[in-house]
Amino acid sequence: MPNPPSRRLYPIVDAEMCARASRDPLDVARAFLSAGAGWLQLRCKGMDSGPFLALSQQVVDAATQAG
């Protein structure tokens, strides 16, 4: 049986695009996860490593909770 469409979705959470849209990247990641995304990419090209690591851990925690 094919996977449902949400399992084929590969969302990219781009921190710069989120900032332009006045969205929190963590909230965007949670929205994708709650919609059924099985994985996602976190893109933070302009972010320093400390904040990136903190955000990455929050996204991992959200993904773990989402299952």
Protein backbone atom coordinates (compact mmCIF):
# COMPACT_ATOMS: atom_id res chain seq x y z
CA MET A 1 0.00 0.00 0.00
CA PRO A 2 1.46 3.42 -0.90
CA ASN A 3 2.30 5.86 1.84
CA PRO A 4 -0.23 8.62 2.47
CA PRO A 5 0.69 11.90 0.72
CA SER A 6 1.92 13.49 3.95
CA ARG A 7 4.60 10.81 4.26
CA ARG A 8 5.94 11.73 0.82
CA LEU A 9 6.20 15.41 1.73
CA TYR A 10 9.74 16.63 2.42
CA PRO A 11 9.31 20.05 3.99
CA ILE A 12 12.21 22.46 4.34
CA VAL A 13 12.05 24.86 7.26
CA ASP A 14 14.23 27.80 6.23
CA ALA A 15 14.91 30.15 9.15
CA GLU A 16 15.49 33.14 6.85
CA MET A 17 12.19 32.60 5.05
CA CYS A 18 10.44 32.16 8.39
CA ALA A 19 11.89 35.48 9.59
CA ARG A 20 10.68 37.23 6.43
CA ALA A 21 7.20 35.87 7.08
CA SER A 22 7.37 36.70 10.82
CA ARG A 23 7.11 33.01 11.70
CA ASP A 24 9.02 31.06 14.32
CA PRO A 25 10.92 28.20 12.62
CA LEU A 26 10.02 25.88 15.51
CA ASP A 27 6.32 26.65 15.07
CA VAL A 28 6.62 25.99 11.33
CA ALA A 29 8.41 22.69 12.00
CA ARG A 30 5.70 21.69 14.50
CA ALA A 31 2.99 22.53 11.95
CA PHE A 32 4.61 20.26 9.34
CA LEU A 33 5.02 17.49 11.90
CA SER A 34 1.42 17.77 13.07
CA ALA A 35 0.33 17.57 9.43
CA GLY A 36 2.05 14.20 9.22
CA ALA A 37 5.46 14.97 7.74
CA GLY A 38 7.73 12.04 8.54
CA TRP A 39 10.90 14.08 8.17
CA LEU A 40 11.95 17.63 7.47
CA GLN A 41 15.03 19.67 6.73
CA LEU A 42 16.08 22.58 8.91
CA ARG A 43 17.96 25.22 6.92
CA CYS A 44 19.66 28.03 8.84
CA LYS A 45 22.42 29.35 6.60
CA GLY A 46 22.84 32.69 8.39
CA MET A 47 22.47 31.40 11.95
CA ASP A 48 25.41 31.03 14.32
CA SER A 49 26.19 27.51 15.50
CA GLY A 50 24.95 27.97 19.10
CA PRO A 51 21.44 29.14 18.19
CA PHE A 52 21.33 26.57 15.37
CA LEU A 53 22.16 23.76 17.78
CA ALA A 54 19.49 24.94 20.24
CA LEU A 55 16.84 25.19 17.50
CA SER A 56 17.87 21.81 16.08
CA GLN A 57 17.43 20.16 19.46
CA GLN A 58 13.98 21.73 19.85
CA VAL A 59 12.98 20.45 16.41
CA VAL A 60 14.28 16.96 17.26
CA ASP A 61 12.29 17.03 20.49
CA ALA A 62 9.16 18.11 18.59
CA ALA A 63 9.69 15.35 16.02
CA THR A 64 10.13 12.77 18.78
CA GLN A 65 6.89 13.87 20.42
CA ALA A 66 5.10 13.80 17.06
CA GLY A 67 6.17 10.20 16.55
